Amino acid sequence: MKRIITAFTSLVLATFLLESCEKEENKIFYEGGTSPALTASTAAVNLQPPPADESAEAIKFNWTNPEYTFTTGISSQDVNYKLEFDTVGANFGSKSKYTTTIARELSKRYTVAELNAVLGNSMFLPFGRKYTLEARITSTIGDNAAALTSNKVTFTATPYAPPPKVAIPVTGKLYIVGNATPGGWNNPVPTPSQEFTKISNTEYTITLPLGGAGNFYLFLPENGSWSSKYAVPDNTASGISNGGEFRFYSSGGQDIPAPAAPGNYKITVDFQKGLFTVVKQ
């Protein structure tokens, strides 16, 4: 009987090992890929055209397919790409770095207006200065796996002032209203205490006391009117009580939340960048 059991056990073990080998042979493994090779259509971009030329091509980036390969051959899955710009020497680590994602395509074209907006309104590079920038592309497959980074290419460009990211007040004035302010939601608001000081055509500032958490406010281009306002798209966004993106609304938009602690605050509104800041004084 013992010999029969031993023989049966050996048979089961052999069958298990055979099935395991077959399963191992059927597994698909990633074998690698080739870092994409990046090229640019020009090394010197002219961003000082008359407005009629803003639709002209400024620069075009092309890159090669990384050809992700598995044991079954070259992958047919979609490849995603991340194109980055930064100033030379920053090693793609500066706060002004620009990143955009591209699915499947092997090129990205920028018109004069588009590239200028990237440099001025996204990277916030001061206008009128010549910059040397570098670009690179990083490919991934699946869930951001198997990242492969290209060579770097450099180009020069001098950004000019693009249209403001948010429409400036046609009145040339700006006011603040809300229960976070001394004047509450009464409109018209008290002046000059709740009227901004115009620093430039695109920048306004005011210092005033604000109530704490649970209070809100808005910016108005016309005192006494609710027909238009400047508000935020999402007043639950992280850090929005200390500043962030704002937009122009004739309807819609959300009230801006006051900082957590009541006190005296300086609010700066930058229409060129489409950003506002709130700093305790």
C-alpha atoms as a PDB file:
ATOM      1  CA  MET A   1       0.000   0.000   0.000  1.00  0.00           C
ATOM      2  CA  LYS A   2       2.870   2.361   0.890  1.00  0.00           C
ATOM      3  CA  ARG A   3       4.406   1.871  -2.565  1.00  0.00           C
ATOM      4  CA  ILE A   4       1.071   2.701  -4.239  1.00  0.00           C
ATOM      5  CA  ILE A   5       0.721   5.972  -2.260  1.00  0.00           C
ATOM      6  CA  THR A   6       4.332   6.949  -3.034  1.00  0.00           C
ATOM      7  CA  ALA A   7       3.848   6.307  -6.733  1.00  0.00           C
ATOM      8  CA  PHE A   8       0.596   8.328  -6.741  1.00  0.00           C
ATOM      9  CA  THR A   9       2.289  11.264  -4.944  1.00  0.00           C
ATOM     10  CA  SER A  10       5.134  11.252  -7.462  1.00  0.00           C
ATOM     11  CA  LEU A  11       2.630  11.299 -10.340  1.00  0.00           C
ATOM     12  CA  VAL A  12       0.739  14.286  -8.863  1.00  0.00           C
ATOM     13  CA  LEU A  13       3.990  16.206  -8.276  1.00  0.00           C
ATOM     14  CA  ALA A  14       5.202  15.552 -11.810  1.00  0.00           C
ATOM     15  CA  THR A  15       1.881  16.736 -13.247  1.00  0.00           C
ATOM     16  CA  PHE A  16       2.048  19.935 -11.119  1.00  0.00           C
ATOM     17  CA  LEU A  17       5.594  20.667 -12.256  1.00  0.00           C
ATOM     18  CA  LEU A  18       4.634  20.127 -15.907  1.00  0.00           C
ATOM     19  CA  GLU A  19       1.666  22.507 -15.607  1.00  0.00           C
ATOM     20  CA  SER A  20       3.832  25.078 -13.820  1.00  0.00           C
ATOM     21  CA  CYS A  21       6.381  24.969 -16.627  1.00  0.00           C
ATOM     22  CA  GLU A  22       3.659  25.405 -19.211  1.00  0.00           C
ATOM     23  CA  LYS A  23       2.215  28.400 -17.311  1.00  0.00           C
ATOM     24  CA  GLU A  24       5.700  29.938 -16.967  1.00  0.00           C
ATOM     25  CA  GLU A  25       6.250  29.544 -20.698  1.00  0.00           C
ATOM     26  CA  ASN A  26       2.962  31.362 -21.406  1.00  0.00           C
ATOM     27  CA  LYS A  27       3.872  34.481 -19.384  1.00  0.00           C
ATOM     28  CA  ILE A  28       4.568  37.688 -21.327  1.00  0.00           C
ATOM     29  CA  PHE A  29       7.639  39.670 -20.279  1.00  0.00           C
ATOM     30  CA  TYR A  30       8.705  43.249 -21.050  1.00  0.00           C
ATOM     31  CA  GLU A  31      12.008  43.156 -22.880  1.00  0.00           C
ATOM     32  CA  GLY A  32      12.649  46.907 -23.234  1.00  0.00           C
ATOM     33  CA  GLY A  33      12.450  49.780 -25.654  1.00  0.00           C
ATOM     34  CA  THR A  34      14.522  52.542 -27.207  1.00  0.00           C
ATOM     35  CA  SER A  35      14.558  56.058 -25.766  1.00  0.00           C
ATOM     36  CA  PRO A  36      12.781  58.391 -28.190  1.00  0.00           C
ATOM     37  CA  ALA A  37      15.024  60.644 -30.280  1.00  0.00           C
ATOM     38  CA  LEU A  38      13.806  64.263 -30.146  1.00  0.00           C
ATOM     39  CA  THR A  39      14.392  66.900 -32.828  1.00  0.00           C
ATOM     40  CA  ALA A  40      13.183  70.485 -33.285  1.00  0.00           C
ATOM     41  CA  SER A  41      12.433  72.315 -36.513  1.00  0.00           C
ATOM     42  CA  THR A  42      14.523  75.325 -35.464  1.00  0.00           C
ATOM     43  CA  ALA A  43      17.006  76.406 -32.817  1.00  0.00           C
ATOM     44  CA  ALA A  44      16.016  80.086 -32.857  1.00  0.00           C
ATOM     45  CA  VAL A  45      12.330  81.057 -32.580  1.00  0.00           C
ATOM     46  CA  ASN A  46      11.163  84.482 -33.698  1.00  0.00           C
ATOM     47  CA  LEU A  47       8.417  85.611 -31.324  1.00  0.00           C
ATOM     48  CA  GLN A  48       8.366  89.277 -32.272  1.00  0.00           C
ATOM     49  CA  PRO A  49       5.973  89.279 -35.270  1.00  0.00           C
ATOM     50  CA  PRO A  50       3.132  91.612 -36.169  1.00  0.00           C
ATOM     51  CA  PRO A  51      -0.214  90.217 -34.886  1.00  0.00           C
ATOM     52  CA  ALA A  52      -1.059  88.886 -38.354  1.00  0.00           C
ATOM     53  CA  ASP A  53       1.796  86.376 -38.048  1.00  0.00           C
ATOM     54  CA  GLU A  54       0.780  84.901 -34.705  1.00  0.00           C
ATOM     55  CA  SER A  55      -0.797  81.884 -36.431  1.00  0.00           C
ATOM     56  CA  ALA A  56       2.473  81.018 -38.189  1.00  0.00           C
ATOM     57  CA  GLU A  57       4.455  77.999 -37.012  1.00  0.00           C
ATOM     58  CA  ALA A  58       7.046  78.914 -34.388  1.00  0.00           C
ATOM     59  CA  ILE A  59       8.544  75.480 -33.733  1.00  0.00           C
ATOM     60  CA  LYS A  60       7.698  71.831 -34.259  1.00  0.00           C
ATOM     61  CA  PHE A  61       9.017  68.927 -32.212  1.00  0.00           C
ATOM     62  CA  ASN A  62       9.309  65.414 -33.631  1.00  0.00           C
ATOM     63  CA  TRP A  63      10.328  62.227 -31.873  1.00  0.00           C
ATOM     64  CA  THR A  64      10.736  58.552 -32.673  1.00  0.00           C
ATOM     65  CA  ASN A  65       8.574  55.694 -31.436  1.00  0.00           C
ATOM     66  CA  PRO A  66      10.232  53.933 -28.469  1.00  0.00           C
ATOM     67  CA  GLU A  67       9.008  50.571 -29.813  1.00  0.00           C
ATOM     68  CA  TYR A  68       8.215  48.946 -26.506  1.00  0.00           C
ATOM     69  CA  THR A  69       8.943  45.239 -26.962  1.00  0.00           C
ATOM     70  CA  PHE A  70       7.588  42.211 -25.135  1.00  0.00           C
ATOM     71  CA  THR A  71       8.310  38.529 -25.564  1.00  0.00           C
ATOM     72  CA  THR A  72       5.420  38.482 -28.045  1.00  0.00           C
ATOM     73  CA  GLY A  73       6.976  41.264 -30.144  1.00  0.00           C
ATOM     74  CA  ILE A  74       6.595  45.031 -30.468  1.00  0.00           C
ATOM     75  CA  SER A  75       3.657  46.306 -28.426  1.00  0.00           C
ATOM     76  CA  SER A  76       0.527  47.559 -30.156  1.00  0.00           C
ATOM     77  CA  GLN A  77      -0.583  49.469 -27.053  1.00  0.00           C
ATOM     78  CA  ASP A  78      -0.898  53.257 -27.172  1.00  0.00           C
ATOM     79  CA  VAL A  79       2.169  55.162 -26.013  1.00  0.00           C
ATOM     80  CA  ASN A  80       1.802  58.387 -24.032  1.00  0.00           C
ATOM     81  CA  TYR A  81       4.328  61.197 -24.137  1.00  0.00           C
ATOM     82  CA  LYS A  82       5.230  64.054 -21.790  1.00  0.00           C
ATOM     83  CA  LEU A  83       6.856  67.087 -23.418  1.00  0.00           C
ATOM     84  CA  GLU A  84       8.721  69.429 -21.062  1.00  0.00           C
ATOM     85  CA  PHE A  85      10.287  72.891 -21.451  1.00  0.00           C
ATOM     86  CA  ASP A  86      12.590  74.606 -18.982  1.00  0.00           C
ATOM     87  CA  THR A  87      15.337  77.196 -19.018  1.00  0.00           C
ATOM     88  CA  VAL A  88      18.852  75.886 -19.664  1.00  0.00           C
ATOM     89  CA  GLY A  89      20.640  74.944 -16.459  1.00  0.00           C
ATOM     90  CA  ALA A  90      17.472  74.265 -14.475  1.00  0.00           C
ATOM     91  CA  ASN A  91      17.631  70.552 -15.359  1.00  0.00           C
ATOM     92  CA  PHE A  92      13.815  70.479 -15.680  1.00  0.00           C
ATOM     93  CA  GLY A  93      13.480  71.234 -11.981  1.00  0.00           C
ATOM     94  CA  SER A  94      12.458  74.900 -11.851  1.00  0.00           C
ATOM     95  CA  LYS A  95       9.082  76.236 -10.749  1.00  0.00           C
ATOM     96  CA  SER A  96       8.541  77.654 -14.230  1.00  0.00           C
ATOM     97  CA  LYS A  97       8.886  74.270 -15.979  1.00  0.00           C
ATOM     98  CA  TYR A  98       6.158  73.629 -18.540  1.00  0.00           C
ATOM     99  CA  THR A  99       4.715  70.152 -19.109  1.00  0.00           C
ATOM    100  CA  THR A 100       2.120  68.916 -21.571  1.00  0.00           C
ATOM    101  CA  THR A 101       0.939  65.369 -22.312  1.00  0.00           C
ATOM    102  CA  ILE A 102       0.423  63.923 -25.777  1.00  0.00           C
ATOM    103  CA  ALA A 103      -1.237  60.612 -26.607  1.00  0.00           C
ATOM    104  CA  ARG A 104       0.069  58.447 -29.452  1.00  0.00           C
ATOM    105  CA  GLU A 105       1.304  61.292 -31.697  1.00  0.00           C
ATOM    106  CA  LEU A 106       4.966  61.619 -32.656  1.00  0.00           C
ATOM    107  CA  SER A 107       5.045  65.405 -33.056  1.00  0.00           C
ATOM    108  CA  LYS A 108       3.851  68.624 -31.456  1.00  0.00           C
ATOM    109  CA  ARG A 109       3.501  71.925 -33.324  1.00  0.00           C
ATOM    110  CA  TYR A 110       3.331  75.369 -31.711  1.00  0.00           C
ATOM    111  CA  THR A 111       2.213  78.533 -33.438  1.00  0.00           C
ATOM    112  CA  VAL A 112       3.783  81.848 -32.485  1.00  0.00           C
ATOM    113  CA  ALA A 113       0.796  82.699 -30.285  1.00  0.00           C
ATOM    114  CA  GLU A 114       0.752  79.261 -28.624  1.00  0.00           C
ATOM    115  CA  LEU A 115       4.464  79.167 -27.809  1.00  0.00           C
ATOM    116  CA  ASN A 116       4.443  82.762 -26.623  1.00  0.00           C
ATOM    117  CA  ALA A 117       1.529  81.970 -24.285  1.00  0.00           C
ATOM    118  CA  VAL A 118       3.459  78.996 -22.892  1.00  0.00           C
ATOM    119  CA  LEU A 119       6.511  81.135 -22.150  1.00  0.00           C
ATOM    120  CA  GLY A 120       4.612  84.150 -20.840  1.00  0.00           C
ATOM    121  CA  ASN A 121       1.411  82.844 -19.245  1.00  0.00           C
ATOM    122  CA  SER A 122       2.465  79.323 -18.198  1.00  0.00           C
ATOM    123  CA  MET A 123       6.191  79.613 -17.465  1.00  0.00           C
ATOM    124  CA  PHE A 124       5.815  83.267 -16.381  1.00  0.00           C
ATOM    125  CA  LEU A 125       9.060  84.331 -18.068  1.00  0.00           C
ATOM    126  CA  PRO A 126       9.453  88.138 -18.118  1.00  0.00           C
ATOM    127  CA  PHE A 127       8.668  89.641 -21.503  1.00  0.00           C
ATOM    128  CA  GLY A 128      11.238  91.204 -23.789  1.00  0.00           C
ATOM    129  CA  ARG A 129      14.212  89.077 -22.699  1.00  0.00           C
ATOM    130  CA  LYS A 130      15.924  86.412 -24.798  1.00  0.00           C
ATOM    131  CA  TYR A 131      15.916  82.953 -23.222  1.00  0.00           C
ATOM    132  CA  THR A 132      17.687  79.742 -24.067  1.00  0.00           C
ATOM    133  CA  LEU A 133      15.363  76.846 -23.330  1.00  0.00           C
ATOM    134  CA  GLU A 134      15.619  73.105 -23.531  1.00  0.00           C
ATOM    135  CA  ALA A 135      13.009  70.490 -24.282  1.00  0.00           C
ATOM    136  CA  ARG A 136      12.764  66.746 -23.738  1.00  0.00           C
ATOM    137  CA  ILE A 137      10.164  64.032 -24.262  1.00  0.00           C
ATOM    138  CA  THR A 138       9.398  61.105 -21.944  1.00  0.00           C
ATOM    139  CA  SER A 139       7.410  58.102 -23.135  1.00  0.00           C
ATOM    140  CA  THR A 140       5.365  55.694 -21.035  1.00  0.00           C
ATOM    141  CA  ILE A 141       3.106  52.744 -21.714  1.00  0.00           C
ATOM    142  CA  GLY A 142       0.157  51.405 -19.777  1.00  0.00           C
ATOM    143  CA  ASP A 143      -0.230  52.962 -16.342  1.00  0.00           C
ATOM    144  CA  ASN A 144       2.750  55.350 -16.662  1.00  0.00           C
ATOM    145  CA  ALA A 145       5.103  52.366 -16.779  1.00  0.00           C
ATOM    146  CA  ALA A 146       8.469  51.847 -18.473  1.00  0.00           C
ATOM    147  CA  ALA A 147       9.406  55.536 -18.736  1.00  0.00           C
ATOM    148  CA  LEU A 148      12.013  56.330 -21.396  1.00  0.00           C
ATOM    149  CA  THR A 149      13.464  59.855 -21.680  1.00  0.00           C
ATOM    150  CA  SER A 150      14.835  61.396 -24.847  1.00  0.00           C
ATOM    151  CA  ASN A 151      17.836  63.583 -25.531  1.00  0.00           C
ATOM    152  CA  LYS A 152      17.496  67.322 -24.858  1.00  0.00           C
ATOM    153  CA  VAL A 153      17.169  69.926 -27.607  1.00  0.00           C
ATOM    154  CA  THR A 154      17.724  73.648 -27.062  1.00  0.00           C
ATOM    155  CA  PHE A 155      16.145  76.690 -28.672  1.00  0.00           C
ATOM    156  CA  THR A 156      16.061  80.430 -28.043  1.00  0.00           C
ATOM    157  CA  ALA A 157      13.031  82.712 -27.871  1.00  0.00           C
ATOM    158  CA  THR A 158      12.083  86.192 -26.674  1.00  0.00           C
ATOM    159  CA  PRO A 159       8.488  86.269 -25.395  1.00  0.00           C
ATOM    160  CA  TYR A 160       6.327  89.345 -25.843  1.00  0.00           C
ATOM    161  CA  ALA A 161       3.327  90.349 -23.741  1.00  0.00           C
ATOM    162  CA  PRO A 162       0.384  88.160 -24.840  1.00  0.00           C
ATOM    163  CA  PRO A 163      -3.217  89.119 -24.162  1.00  0.00           C
ATOM    164  CA  PRO A 164      -3.995  88.848 -20.418  1.00  0.00           C
ATOM    165  CA  LYS A 165      -5.115  85.406 -19.314  1.00  0.00           C
ATOM    166  CA  VAL A 166      -8.214  86.995 -17.746  1.00  0.00           C
ATOM    167  CA  ALA A 167     -10.024  89.956 -19.331  1.00  0.00           C
ATOM    168  CA  ILE A 168      -9.075  93.198 -17.586  1.00  0.00           C
ATOM    169  CA  PRO A 169     -11.824  95.465 -16.157  1.00  0.00           C
ATOM    170  CA  VAL A 170     -13.088  97.712 -18.951  1.00  0.00           C
ATOM    171  CA  THR A 171     -13.820 100.302 -16.273  1.00  0.00           C
ATOM    172  CA  GLY A 172     -10.165 100.452 -15.259  1.00  0.00           C
ATOM    173  CA  LYS A 173     -11.332  99.903 -11.659  1.00  0.00           C
ATOM    174  CA  LEU A 174     -11.730  96.944  -9.339  1.00  0.00           C
ATOM    175  CA  TYR A 175     -13.682  96.499  -6.096  1.00  0.00           C
ATOM    176  CA  ILE A 176     -14.093  93.807  -3.441  1.00  0.00           C
ATOM    177  CA  VAL A 177     -17.435  92.731  -1.957  1.00  0.00           C
ATOM    178  CA  GLY A 178     -18.529  89.958   0.414  1.00  0.00           C
ATOM    179  CA  ASN A 179     -19.249  89.046   4.005  1.00  0.00           C
ATOM    180  CA  ALA A 180     -15.491  88.645   4.523  1.00  0.00           C
ATOM    181  CA  THR A 181     -15.141  92.427   4.038  1.00  0.00           C
ATOM    182  CA  PRO A 182     -16.182  95.274   6.355  1.00  0.00           C
ATOM    183  CA  GLY A 183     -18.917  96.301   3.888  1.00  0.00           C
ATOM    184  CA  GLY A 184     -20.498  92.851   3.710  1.00  0.00           C
ATOM    185  CA  TRP A 185     -22.497  91.967   0.597  1.00  0.00           C
ATOM    186  CA  ASN A 186     -23.813  95.512   0.222  1.00  0.00           C
ATOM    187  CA  ASN A 187     -23.350  96.721  -3.345  1.00  0.00           C
ATOM    188  CA  PRO A 188     -22.208  99.445  -4.006  1.00  0.00           C
ATOM    189  CA  VAL A 189     -19.280  98.880  -1.645  1.00  0.00           C
ATOM    190  CA  PRO A 190     -17.750 101.613   0.520  1.00  0.00           C
ATOM    191  CA  THR A 191     -15.018 103.578  -1.236  1.00  0.00           C
ATOM    192  CA  PRO A 192     -12.158 104.161  -1.174  1.00  0.00           C
ATOM    193  CA  SER A 193     -11.707 101.463   1.506  1.00  0.00           C
ATOM    194  CA  GLN A 194     -12.861  98.618  -0.770  1.00  0.00           C
ATOM    195  CA  GLU A 195     -11.529  99.901  -4.077  1.00  0.00           C
ATOM    196  CA  PHE A 196      -8.294  98.387  -5.420  1.00  0.00           C
ATOM    197  CA  THR A 197      -5.266 100.467  -6.333  1.00  0.00           C
ATOM    198  CA  LYS A 198      -4.305 100.061  -9.994  1.00  0.00           C
ATOM    199  CA  ILE A 199      -0.597  99.199 -10.186  1.00  0.00           C
ATOM    200  CA  SER A 200      -0.523  98.618 -13.944  1.00  0.00           C
ATOM    201  CA  ASN A 201      -2.971  97.867 -16.731  1.00  0.00           C
ATOM    202  CA  THR A 202      -3.061  94.234 -15.589  1.00  0.00           C
ATOM    203  CA  GLU A 203      -2.337  94.367 -11.851  1.00  0.00           C
ATOM    204  CA  TYR A 204      -4.414  95.647  -8.922  1.00  0.00           C
ATOM    205  CA  THR A 205      -3.833  95.508  -5.167  1.00  0.00           C
ATOM    206  CA  ILE A 206      -5.704  96.275  -1.932  1.00  0.00           C
ATOM    207  CA  THR A 207      -5.020  95.868   1.809  1.00  0.00           C
ATOM    208  CA  LEU A 208      -8.002  95.472   4.117  1.00  0.00           C
ATOM    209  CA  PRO A 209      -9.315  93.416   7.058  1.00  0.00           C
ATOM    210  CA  LEU A 210     -10.904  90.076   6.180  1.00  0.00           C
ATOM    211  CA  GLY A 211     -13.068  87.803   8.306  1.00  0.00           C
ATOM    212  CA  GLY A 212     -11.872  84.264   8.904  1.00  0.00           C
ATOM    213  CA  ALA A 213     -13.011  80.837   7.736  1.00  0.00           C
ATOM    214  CA  GLY A 214     -16.629  80.582   6.591  1.00  0.00           C
ATOM    215  CA  ASN A 215     -16.628  84.025   4.953  1.00  0.00           C
ATOM    216  CA  PHE A 216     -16.404  84.810   1.242  1.00  0.00           C
ATOM    217  CA  TYR A 217     -15.839  87.614  -1.251  1.00  0.00           C
ATOM    218  CA  LEU A 218     -15.763  88.511  -4.965  1.00  0.00           C
ATOM    219  CA  PHE A 219     -14.070  91.099  -7.179  1.00  0.00           C
ATOM    220  CA  LEU A 220     -16.281  93.527  -9.103  1.00  0.00           C
ATOM    221  CA  PRO A 221     -15.290  95.600 -12.157  1.00  0.00           C
ATOM    222  CA  GLU A 222     -18.190  98.011 -11.567  1.00  0.00           C
ATOM    223  CA  ASN A 223     -19.271  99.250  -8.166  1.00  0.00           C
ATOM    224  CA  GLY A 224     -23.005  98.818  -7.639  1.00  0.00           C
ATOM    225  CA  SER A 225     -23.505  96.206 -10.376  1.00  0.00           C
ATOM    226  CA  TRP A 226     -23.856  92.415 -10.200  1.00  0.00           C
ATOM    227  CA  SER A 227     -23.825  91.972 -13.995  1.00  0.00           C
ATOM    228  CA  SER A 228     -20.222  90.745 -14.017  1.00  0.00           C
ATOM    229  CA  LYS A 229     -17.674  89.575 -11.479  1.00  0.00           C
ATOM    230  CA  TYR A 230     -14.363  87.846 -10.950  1.00  0.00           C
ATOM    231  CA  ALA A 231     -14.642  84.578  -9.021  1.00  0.00           C
ATOM    232  CA  VAL A 232     -13.022  81.150  -8.801  1.00  0.00           C
ATOM    233  CA  PRO A 233     -14.075  77.975 -10.648  1.00  0.00           C
ATOM    234  CA  ASP A 234     -13.770  75.805  -7.517  1.00  0.00           C
ATOM    235  CA  ASN A 235     -13.697  77.315  -4.027  1.00  0.00           C
ATOM    236  CA  THR A 236     -12.873  73.938  -2.463  1.00  0.00           C
ATOM    237  CA  ALA A 237      -9.524  73.692  -4.288  1.00  0.00           C
ATOM    238  CA  SER A 238      -6.545  73.190  -1.987  1.00  0.00           C
ATOM    239  CA  GLY A 239      -4.981  76.476  -0.853  1.00  0.00           C
ATOM    240  CA  ILE A 240      -7.488  78.685  -2.707  1.00  0.00           C
ATOM    241  CA  SER A 241      -8.033  80.883   0.383  1.00  0.00           C
ATOM    242  CA  ASN A 242      -4.407  81.991  -0.022  1.00  0.00           C
ATOM    243  CA  GLY A 243      -4.761  82.634  -3.748  1.00  0.00           C
ATOM    244  CA  GLY A 244      -4.860  80.845  -7.075  1.00  0.00           C
ATOM    245  CA  GLU A 245      -6.595  81.001 -10.439  1.00  0.00           C
ATOM    246  CA  PHE A 246      -9.609  83.242 -10.981  1.00  0.00           C
ATOM    247  CA  ARG A 247     -11.900  83.928 -13.957  1.00  0.00           C
ATOM    248  CA  PHE A 248     -14.335  86.466 -15.344  1.00  0.00           C
ATOM    249  CA  TYR A 249     -18.030  85.532 -15.091  1.00  0.00           C
ATOM    250  CA  SER A 250     -21.237  87.161 -16.252  1.00  0.00           C
ATOM    251  CA  SER A 251     -22.967  84.243 -14.512  1.00  0.00           C
ATOM    252  CA  GLY A 252     -21.706  81.253 -12.593  1.00  0.00           C
ATOM    253  CA  GLY A 253     -18.422  81.010 -10.742  1.00  0.00           C
ATOM    254  CA  GLN A 254     -17.943  80.491  -6.998  1.00  0.00           C
ATOM    255  CA  ASP A 255     -17.298  82.947  -4.175  1.00  0.00           C
ATOM    256  CA  ILE A 256     -13.693  83.166  -2.975  1.00  0.00           C
ATOM    257  CA  PRO A 257     -13.179  81.796   0.566  1.00  0.00           C
ATOM    258  CA  ALA A 258     -11.480  84.006   3.139  1.00  0.00           C
ATOM    259  CA  PRO A 259      -8.291  82.834   4.875  1.00  0.00           C
ATOM    260  CA  ALA A 260      -8.722  80.659   7.957  1.00  0.00           C
ATOM    261  CA  ALA A 261      -7.670  83.361  10.428  1.00  0.00           C
ATOM    262  CA  PRO A 262      -9.189  86.860  10.457  1.00  0.00           C
ATOM    263  CA  GLY A 263      -6.782  89.755  10.037  1.00  0.00           C
ATOM    264  CA  ASN A 264      -5.375  92.393   7.727  1.00  0.00           C
ATOM    265  CA  TYR A 265      -4.527  91.012   4.275  1.00  0.00           C
ATOM    266  CA  LYS A 266      -2.970  92.289   1.067  1.00  0.00           C
ATOM    267  CA  ILE A 267      -4.729  90.964  -2.049  1.00  0.00           C
ATOM    268  CA  THR A 268      -2.976  91.234  -5.409  1.00  0.00           C
ATOM    269  CA  VAL A 269      -4.893  90.462  -8.606  1.00  0.00           C
ATOM    270  CA  ASP A 270      -2.813  89.770 -11.734  1.00  0.00           C
ATOM    271  CA  PHE A 271      -4.936  89.631 -14.899  1.00  0.00           C
ATOM    272  CA  GLN A 272      -1.918  88.876 -17.101  1.00  0.00           C
ATOM    273  CA  LYS A 273      -1.271  85.597 -15.289  1.00  0.00           C
ATOM    274  CA  GLY A 274      -4.866  84.989 -14.210  1.00  0.00           C
ATOM    275  CA  LEU A 275      -3.759  84.633 -10.582  1.00  0.00           C
ATOM    276  CA  PHE A 276      -4.500  86.349  -7.272  1.00  0.00           C
ATOM    277  CA  THR A 277      -2.569  86.185  -3.998  1.00  0.00           C
ATOM    278  CA  VAL A 278      -3.684  86.791  -0.401  1.00  0.00           C
ATOM    279  CA  VAL A 279      -0.914  87.627   2.108  1.00  0.00           C
ATOM    280  CA  LYS A 280      -1.380  88.448   5.792  1.00  0.00           C
ATOM    281  CA  GLN A 281       0.128  91.789   6.826  1.00  0.00           C
END
